PDB file of N, CA and C in Angstrom:
ATOM      1  N   MET A   1       0.812  -1.184   0.000  1.00  0.00           N
ATOM      2  CA  MET A   1       0.000   0.000   0.000  1.00  0.00           C
ATOM      3  C   MET A   1       0.862   1.256   0.000  1.00  0.00           C
ATOM      4  N   SER A   2       1.933   1.284   0.762  1.00  0.00           N
ATOM      5  CA  SER A   2       2.786   2.463   0.794  1.00  0.00           C
ATOM      6  C   SER A   2       3.502   2.670  -0.539  1.00  0.00           C
ATOM      7  N   ASP A   3       3.738   1.580  -1.290  1.00  0.00           N
ATOM      8  CA  ASP A   3       4.334   1.709  -2.617  1.00  0.00           C
ATOM      9  C   ASP A   3       3.390   2.443  -3.558  1.00  0.00           C
ATOM     10  N   ASP A   4       2.091   2.189  -3.438  1.00  0.00           N
ATOM     11  CA  ASP A   4       1.108   2.889  -4.261  1.00  0.00           C
ATOM     12  C   ASP A   4       1.115   4.383  -3.958  1.00  0.00           C
ATOM     13  N   ILE A   5       1.206   4.723  -2.687  1.00  0.00           N
ATOM     14  CA  ILE A   5       1.228   6.131  -2.296  1.00  0.00           C
ATOM     15  C   ILE A   5       2.495   6.801  -2.816  1.00  0.00           C
ATOM     16  N   ARG A   6       3.602   6.119  -2.741  1.00  0.00           N
ATOM     17  CA  ARG A   6       4.859   6.679  -3.270  1.00  0.00           C
ATOM     18  C   ARG A   6       4.771   6.911  -4.771  1.00  0.00           C
ATOM     19  N   LYS A   7       4.191   5.956  -5.490  1.00  0.00           N
ATOM     20  CA  LYS A   7       4.053   6.106  -6.942  1.00  0.00           C
ATOM     21  C   LYS A   7       3.152   7.294  -7.279  1.00  0.00           C
ATOM     22  N   LEU A   8       2.061   7.442  -6.543  1.00  0.00           N
ATOM     23  CA  LEU A   8       1.154   8.566  -6.795  1.00  0.00           C
ATOM     24  C   LEU A   8       1.826   9.900  -6.506  1.00  0.00           C
ATOM     25  N   SER A   9       2.654   9.952  -5.471  1.00  0.00           N
ATOM     26  CA  SER A   9       3.294  11.212  -5.103  1.00  0.00           C
ATOM     27  C   SER A   9       4.423  11.592  -6.053  1.00  0.00           C
ATOM     28  N   GLN A  10       4.797  10.708  -6.946  1.00  0.00           N
ATOM     29  CA  GLN A  10       5.854  10.991  -7.914  1.00  0.00           C
ATOM     30  C   GLN A  10       5.313  11.487  -9.257  1.00  0.00           C
ATOM     31  N   ARG A  11       4.033  11.798  -9.316  1.00  0.00           N
ATOM     32  CA  ARG A  11       3.443  12.260 -10.565  1.00  0.00           C
ATOM     33  C   ARG A  11       4.046  13.590 -10.987  1.00  0.00           C
ATOM     34  N   LYS A  12       3.845  13.952 -12.267  1.00  0.00           N
ATOM     35  CA  LYS A  12       4.650  14.964 -12.916  1.00  0.00           C
ATOM     36  C   LYS A  12       4.208  16.421 -12.782  1.00  0.00           C
ATOM     37  N   LEU A  13       2.960  16.720 -12.606  1.00  0.00           N
ATOM     38  CA  LEU A  13       2.528  18.111 -12.620  1.00  0.00           C
ATOM     39  C   LEU A  13       3.085  18.884 -11.426  1.00  0.00           C
ATOM     40  N   SER A  14       3.466  20.130 -11.685  1.00  0.00           N
ATOM     41  CA  SER A  14       3.983  20.976 -10.616  1.00  0.00           C
ATOM     42  C   SER A  14       2.839  21.476  -9.745  1.00  0.00           C
ATOM     43  N   PHE A  15       3.205  22.129  -8.647  1.00  0.00           N
ATOM     44  CA  PHE A  15       2.189  22.644  -7.738  1.00  0.00           C
ATOM     45  C   PHE A  15       1.368  23.743  -8.414  1.00  0.00           C
ATOM     46  N   LEU A  16       2.000  24.587  -9.204  1.00  0.00           N
ATOM     47  CA  LEU A  16       1.257  25.647  -9.903  1.00  0.00           C
ATOM     48  C   LEU A  16       0.273  25.066 -10.921  1.00  0.00           C
ATOM     49  N   GLN A  17       0.663  24.018 -11.603  1.00  0.00           N
ATOM     50  CA  GLN A  17      -0.251  23.352 -12.533  1.00  0.00           C
ATOM     51  C   GLN A  17      -1.412  22.724 -11.775  1.00  0.00           C
ATOM     52  N   THR A  18      -1.133  22.215 -10.592  1.00  0.00           N
ATOM     53  CA  THR A  18      -2.191  21.654  -9.758  1.00  0.00           C
ATOM     54  C   THR A  18      -3.153  22.751  -9.310  1.00  0.00           C
ATOM     55  N   LEU A  19      -2.621  23.921  -8.927  1.00  0.00           N
ATOM     56  CA  LEU A  19      -3.477  25.050  -8.560  1.00  0.00           C
ATOM     57  C   LEU A  19      -4.386  25.451  -9.733  1.00  0.00           C
ATOM     58  N   LYS A  20      -3.836  25.435 -10.924  1.00  0.00           N
ATOM     59  CA  LYS A  20      -4.617  25.765 -12.114  1.00  0.00           C
ATOM     60  C   LYS A  20      -5.748  24.753 -12.305  1.00  0.00           C
ATOM     61  N   ALA A  21      -5.455  23.487 -12.135  1.00  0.00           N
ATOM     62  CA  ALA A  21      -6.480  22.451 -12.281  1.00  0.00           C
ATOM     63  C   ALA A  21      -7.573  22.606 -11.226  1.00  0.00           C
ATOM     64  N   VAL A  22      -7.179  22.955 -10.001  1.00  0.00           N
ATOM     65  CA  VAL A  22      -8.162  23.170  -8.934  1.00  0.00           C
ATOM     66  C   VAL A  22      -9.024  24.393  -9.249  1.00  0.00           C
ATOM     67  N   ALA A  23      -8.402  25.447  -9.765  1.00  0.00           N
ATOM     68  CA  ALA A  23      -9.166  26.650 -10.132  1.00  0.00           C
ATOM     69  C   ALA A  23     -10.197  26.337 -11.204  1.00  0.00           C
ATOM     70  N   TRP A  24      -9.809  25.584 -12.210  1.00  0.00           N
ATOM     71  CA  TRP A  24     -10.773  25.188 -13.251  1.00  0.00           C
ATOM     72  C   TRP A  24     -11.885  24.347 -12.642  1.00  0.00           C
ATOM     73  N   GLY A  25     -11.552  23.531 -11.667  1.00  0.00           N
ATOM     74  CA  GLY A  25     -12.564  22.717 -10.988  1.00  0.00           C
ATOM     75  C   GLY A  25     -13.557  23.571 -10.211  1.00  0.00           C
ATOM     76  N   PHE A  26     -13.075  24.648  -9.606  1.00  0.00           N
ATOM     77  CA  PHE A  26     -13.969  25.549  -8.887  1.00  0.00           C
ATOM     78  C   PHE A  26     -14.967  26.190  -9.838  1.00  0.00           C
ATOM     79  N   PHE A  27     -14.498  26.563 -11.021  1.00  0.00           N
ATOM     80  CA  PHE A  27     -15.379  27.203 -12.003  1.00  0.00           C
ATOM     81  C   PHE A  27     -16.255  26.193 -12.739  1.00  0.00           C
ATOM     82  N   GLY A  28     -15.844  24.950 -12.761  1.00  0.00           N
ATOM     83  CA  GLY A  28     -16.641  23.907 -13.401  1.00  0.00           C
ATOM     84  C   GLY A  28     -16.527  23.884 -14.916  1.00  0.00           C
ATOM     85  N   VAL A  29     -15.493  24.505 -15.460  1.00  0.00           N
ATOM     86  CA  VAL A  29     -15.295  24.494 -16.906  1.00  0.00           C
ATOM     87  C   VAL A  29     -13.987  23.774 -17.210  1.00  0.00           C
ATOM     88  N   ARG A  30     -14.111  22.603 -17.754  1.00  0.00           N
ATOM     89  CA  ARG A  30     -12.938  21.796 -18.071  1.00  0.00           C
ATOM     90  C   ARG A  30     -13.311  20.821 -19.170  1.00  0.00           C
ATOM     91  N   LYS A  31     -12.460  20.727 -20.173  1.00  0.00           N
ATOM     92  CA  LYS A  31     -12.691  19.743 -21.229  1.00  0.00           C
ATOM     93  C   LYS A  31     -12.430  18.350 -20.676  1.00  0.00           C
ATOM     94  N   LYS A  32     -13.131  17.388 -21.225  1.00  0.00           N
ATOM     95  CA  LYS A  32     -12.976  16.017 -20.742  1.00  0.00           C
ATOM     96  C   LYS A  32     -11.537  15.529 -20.937  1.00  0.00           C
ATOM     97  N   SER A  33     -10.923  15.879 -22.061  1.00  0.00           N
ATOM     98  CA  SER A  33      -9.551  15.431 -22.311  1.00  0.00           C
ATOM     99  C   SER A  33      -8.580  16.051 -21.311  1.00  0.00           C
ATOM    100  N   GLY A  34      -8.779  17.333 -20.982  1.00  0.00           N
ATOM    101  CA  GLY A  34      -7.930  17.990 -19.993  1.00  0.00           C
ATOM    102  C   GLY A  34      -8.108  17.392 -18.618  1.00  0.00           C
ATOM    103  N   HIS A  35      -9.358  17.058 -18.294  1.00  0.00           N
ATOM    104  CA  HIS A  35      -9.645  16.437 -16.992  1.00  0.00           C
ATOM    105  C   HIS A  35      -8.953  15.081 -16.890  1.00  0.00           C
ATOM    106  N   GLN A  36      -9.058  14.283 -17.931  1.00  0.00           N
ATOM    107  CA  GLN A  36      -8.441  12.954 -17.905  1.00  0.00           C
ATOM    108  C   GLN A  36      -6.921  13.058 -17.815  1.00  0.00           C
ATOM    109  N   GLU A  37      -6.344  14.046 -18.489  1.00  0.00           N
ATOM    110  CA  GLU A  37      -4.897  14.253 -18.424  1.00  0.00           C
ATOM    111  C   GLU A  37      -4.476  14.654 -17.004  1.00  0.00           C
ATOM    112  N   ASP A  38      -5.260  15.536 -16.386  1.00  0.00           N
ATOM    113  CA  ASP A  38      -4.954  15.954 -15.021  1.00  0.00           C
ATOM    114  C   ASP A  38      -5.053  14.788 -14.048  1.00  0.00           C
ATOM    115  N   VAL A  39      -6.068  13.975 -14.187  1.00  0.00           N
ATOM    116  CA  VAL A  39      -6.242  12.829 -13.289  1.00  0.00           C
ATOM    117  C   VAL A  39      -5.051  11.882 -13.395  1.00  0.00           C
ATOM    118  N   ALA A  40      -4.516  11.734 -14.585  1.00  0.00           N
ATOM    119  CA  ALA A  40      -3.389  10.830 -14.773  1.00  0.00           C
ATOM    120  C   ALA A  40      -2.081  11.402 -14.237  1.00  0.00           C
ATOM    121  N   LYS A  41      -1.969  12.747 -14.172  1.00  0.00           N
ATOM    122  CA  LYS A  41      -0.689  13.355 -13.824  1.00  0.00           C
ATOM    123  C   LYS A  41      -0.662  14.092 -12.492  1.00  0.00           C
ATOM    124  N   LEU A  42      -1.817  14.372 -11.892  1.00  0.00           N
ATOM    125  CA  LEU A  42      -1.836  15.149 -10.655  1.00  0.00           C
ATOM    126  C   LEU A  42      -1.226  14.374  -9.487  1.00  0.00           C
ATOM    127  N   ASN A  43      -0.477  15.098  -8.689  1.00  0.00           N
ATOM    128  CA  ASN A  43       0.078  14.548  -7.465  1.00  0.00           C
ATOM    129  C   ASN A  43      -0.980  14.726  -6.380  1.00  0.00           C
ATOM    130  N   PRO A  44      -1.451  13.651  -5.744  1.00  0.00           N
ATOM    131  CA  PRO A  44      -2.521  13.768  -4.753  1.00  0.00           C
ATOM    132  C   PRO A  44      -2.175  14.679  -3.571  1.00  0.00           C
ATOM    133  N   VAL A  45      -0.923  14.702  -3.166  1.00  0.00           N
ATOM    134  CA  VAL A  45      -0.518  15.570  -2.061  1.00  0.00           C
ATOM    135  C   VAL A  45      -0.676  17.031  -2.481  1.00  0.00           C
ATOM    136  N   HIS A  46      -0.199  17.365  -3.685  1.00  0.00           N
ATOM    137  CA  HIS A  46      -0.362  18.724  -4.208  1.00  0.00           C
ATOM    138  C   HIS A  46      -1.842  19.063  -4.342  1.00  0.00           C
ATOM    139  N   LEU A  47      -2.631  18.114  -4.782  1.00  0.00           N
ATOM    140  CA  LEU A  47      -4.064  18.345  -4.991  1.00  0.00           C
ATOM    141  C   LEU A  47      -4.764  18.693  -3.676  1.00  0.00           C
ATOM    142  N   ILE A  48      -4.462  17.980  -2.634  1.00  0.00           N
ATOM    143  CA  ILE A  48      -5.088  18.245  -1.329  1.00  0.00           C
ATOM    144  C   ILE A  48      -4.678  19.618  -0.812  1.00  0.00           C
ATOM    145  N   ILE A  49      -3.394  19.940  -0.889  1.00  0.00           N
ATOM    146  CA  ILE A  49      -2.910  21.236  -0.417  1.00  0.00           C
ATOM    147  C   ILE A  49      -3.518  22.368  -1.243  1.00  0.00           C
ATOM    148  N   ALA A  50      -3.556  22.207  -2.566  1.00  0.00           N
ATOM    149  CA  ALA A  50      -4.120  23.235  -3.445  1.00  0.00           C
ATOM    150  C   ALA A  50      -5.609  23.429  -3.181  1.00  0.00           C
ATOM    151  N   ALA A  51      -6.329  22.351  -2.938  1.00  0.00           N
ATOM    152  CA  ALA A  51      -7.766  22.458  -2.662  1.00  0.00           C
ATOM    153  C   ALA A  51      -8.017  23.188  -1.342  1.00  0.00           C
ATOM    154  N   ILE A  52      -7.211  22.919  -0.341  1.00  0.00           N
ATOM    155  CA  ILE A  52      -7.363  23.614   0.949  1.00  0.00           C
ATOM    156  C   ILE A  52      -7.073  25.103   0.776  1.00  0.00           C
ATOM    157  N   ILE A  53      -5.998  25.434   0.072  1.00  0.00           N
ATOM    158  CA  ILE A  53      -5.659  26.842  -0.169  1.00  0.00           C
ATOM    159  C   ILE A  53      -6.772  27.537  -0.943  1.00  0.00           C
ATOM    160  N   ALA A  54      -7.254  26.913  -2.016  1.00  0.00           N
ATOM    161  CA  ALA A  54      -8.308  27.515  -2.825  1.00  0.00           C
ATOM    162  C   ALA A  54      -9.591  27.713  -2.023  1.00  0.00           C
ATOM    163  N   THR A  55      -9.913  26.763  -1.172  1.00  0.00           N
ATOM    164  CA  THR A  55     -11.110  26.891  -0.336  1.00  0.00           C
ATOM    165  C   THR A  55     -10.967  28.041   0.652  1.00  0.00           C
ATOM    166  N   LEU A  56      -9.803  28.155   1.275  1.00  0.00           N
ATOM    167  CA  LEU A  56      -9.569  29.260   2.201  1.00  0.00           C
ATOM    168  C   LEU A  56      -9.659  30.615   1.503  1.00  0.00           C
ATOM    169  N   VAL A  57      -9.057  30.730   0.332  1.00  0.00           N
ATOM    170  CA  VAL A  57      -9.123  31.983  -0.432  1.00  0.00           C
ATOM    171  C   VAL A  57     -10.571  32.309  -0.791  1.00  0.00           C
ATOM    172  N   PHE A  58     -11.335  31.307  -1.197  1.00  0.00           N
ATOM    173  CA  PHE A  58     -12.737  31.499  -1.558  1.00  0.00           C
ATOM    174  C   PHE A  58     -13.559  31.984  -0.361  1.00  0.00           C
ATOM    175  N   VAL A  59     -13.398  31.331   0.776  1.00  0.00           N
ATOM    176  CA  VAL A  59     -14.162  31.697   1.978  1.00  0.00           C
ATOM    177  C   VAL A  59     -13.769  33.092   2.460  1.00  0.00           C
ATOM    178  N   VAL A  60     -12.474  33.384   2.506  1.00  0.00           N
ATOM    179  CA  VAL A  60     -12.031  34.714   2.935  1.00  0.00           C
ATOM    180  C   VAL A  60     -12.557  35.774   1.969  1.00  0.00           C
ATOM    181  N   GLY A  61     -12.551  35.483   0.686  1.00  0.00           N
ATOM    182  CA  GLY A  61     -13.100  36.418  -0.300  1.00  0.00           C
ATOM    183  C   GLY A  61     -14.575  36.684  -0.071  1.00  0.00           C
ATOM    184  N   LEU A  62     -15.341  35.638   0.201  1.00  0.00           N
ATOM    185  CA  LEU A  62     -16.768  35.823   0.475  1.00  0.00           C
ATOM    186  C   LEU A  62     -17.004  36.645   1.735  1.00  0.00           C
ATOM    187  N   VAL A  63     -16.221  36.385   2.773  1.00  0.00           N
ATOM    188  CA  VAL A  63     -16.356  37.147   4.013  1.00  0.00           C
ATOM    189  C   VAL A  63     -16.025  38.619   3.767  1.00  0.00           C
ATOM    190  N   MET A  64     -14.989  38.893   3.011  1.00  0.00           N
ATOM    191  CA  MET A  64     -14.611  40.279   2.721  1.00  0.00           C
ATOM    192  C   MET A  64     -15.698  40.994   1.911  1.00  0.00           C
ATOM    193  N   ILE A  65     -16.261  40.314   0.939  1.00  0.00           N
ATOM    194  CA  ILE A  65     -17.347  40.899   0.141  1.00  0.00           C
ATOM    195  C   ILE A  65     -18.562  41.171   1.023  1.00  0.00           C
ATOM    196  N   ALA A  66     -18.895  40.227   1.888  1.00  0.00           N
ATOM    197  CA  ALA A  66     -20.044  40.417   2.777  1.00  0.00           C
ATOM    198  C   ALA A  66     -19.815  41.597   3.715  1.00  0.00           C
ATOM    199  N   ARG A  67     -18.609  41.725   4.270  1.00  0.00           N
ATOM    200  CA  ARG A  67     -18.321  42.862   5.148  1.00  0.00           C
ATOM    201  C   ARG A  67     -18.388  44.179   4.393  1.00  0.00           C
ATOM    202  N   TRP A  68     -17.919  44.176   3.154  1.00  0.00           N
ATOM    203  CA  TRP A  68     -17.984  45.396   2.353  1.00  0.00           C
ATOM    204  C   TRP A  68     -19.433  45.807   2.107  1.00  0.00           C
ATOM    205  N   PHE A  69     -20.294  44.833   1.758  1.00  0.00           N
ATOM    206  CA  PHE A  69     -21.696  45.142   1.532  1.00  0.00           C
ATOM    207  C   PHE A  69     -22.379  45.623   2.806  1.00  0.00           C
ATOM    208  N   ILE A  70     -22.058  45.014   3.916  1.00  0.00           N
ATOM    209  CA  ILE A  70     -22.656  45.436   5.194  1.00  0.00           C
ATOM    210  C   ILE A  70     -22.183  46.850   5.536  1.00  0.00           C
ATOM    211  N   GLY A  71     -20.927  47.159   5.291  1.00  0.00           N
ATOM    212  CA  GLY A  71     -20.406  48.497   5.530  1.00  0.00           C
ATOM    213  C   GLY A  71     -21.047  49.547   4.647  1.00  0.00           C
ATOM    214  N   GLN A  72     -21.413  49.168   3.424  1.00  0.00           N
ATOM    215  CA  GLN A  72     -22.072  50.087   2.505  1.00  0.00           C
ATOM    216  C   GLN A  72     -23.516  50.360   2.915  1.00  0.00           C
ATOM    217  N   ALA A  73     -24.140  49.416   3.571  1.00  0.00           N
ATOM    218  CA  ALA A  73     -25.556  49.547   3.940  1.00  0.00           C
ATOM    219  C   ALA A  73     -25.741  50.435   5.164  1.00  0.00           C
ATOM    220  N   VAL A  74     -24.734  50.556   5.986  1.00  0.00           N
ATOM    221  CA  VAL A  74     -24.852  51.337   7.239  1.00  0.00           C
ATOM    222  C   VAL A  74     -24.691  52.794   7.013  1.00  0.00           C
TER     223      VAL A  74
END
């Protein structure tokens, strides 16, 4: 089992390419061929870290927008 994890962690895409794939996933626009290529090459460790970062940025962005709107209403 640990050999499988090692093999998966040796995949080729860089962290920035993984961030790009996660961003496309957030928007929901991705060609099937690009998705299949990403699945074959994404490093699962990079994918988890990128997804956590993207989620945090998204939530903080929403909170900032909400505070701005509340500040405008007062």
